[in-house]
Amino acid sequence: MLADPERARAEIPVLRMLDEPVEAVRERAERLAGLVGGEIEETVARVGGGALPLAELPSTACAIEEGLARLLRLESPPVVGIVRDGRLLLDARTLTADEVDEVARAVLRARRASVSA
């Protein structure tokens, strides 16, 4: 285990996700929404498992069309979201700044594939 909390947050992704201010999460969600034409939705991230099975954190997601869920799960790496109310929510709490561009490219590929199918 790392004795330096700052280093631990930098090197252990789940610690960053648990500790990150919702404003930073919202910035990534807004960036993703801008890249793919999605909408911003305030949501709750569920920590789940282990010592925190019921813990919830405020979060922000980029909402896109539900029909892309299957195609995005087939991406490499898979992009997994939450289907709610006819939309697919991509929670930005689980993304790093670098992954936003990768997810945006996957969404755009899935859209092209769904049009050509």
Foldseek 3Di string as FASTA:
>chain_A
DDPDLVVCCVPPVVNVLVPPDQVVQVVLQVVLCVLQVFDKDWDWDQPDDDPRRGDIDTFIWTKDAPVLQVQQVPDVPRQHADDDPRITTRTSSNPDSVCSVVVSVSSVVSVVVVVVD
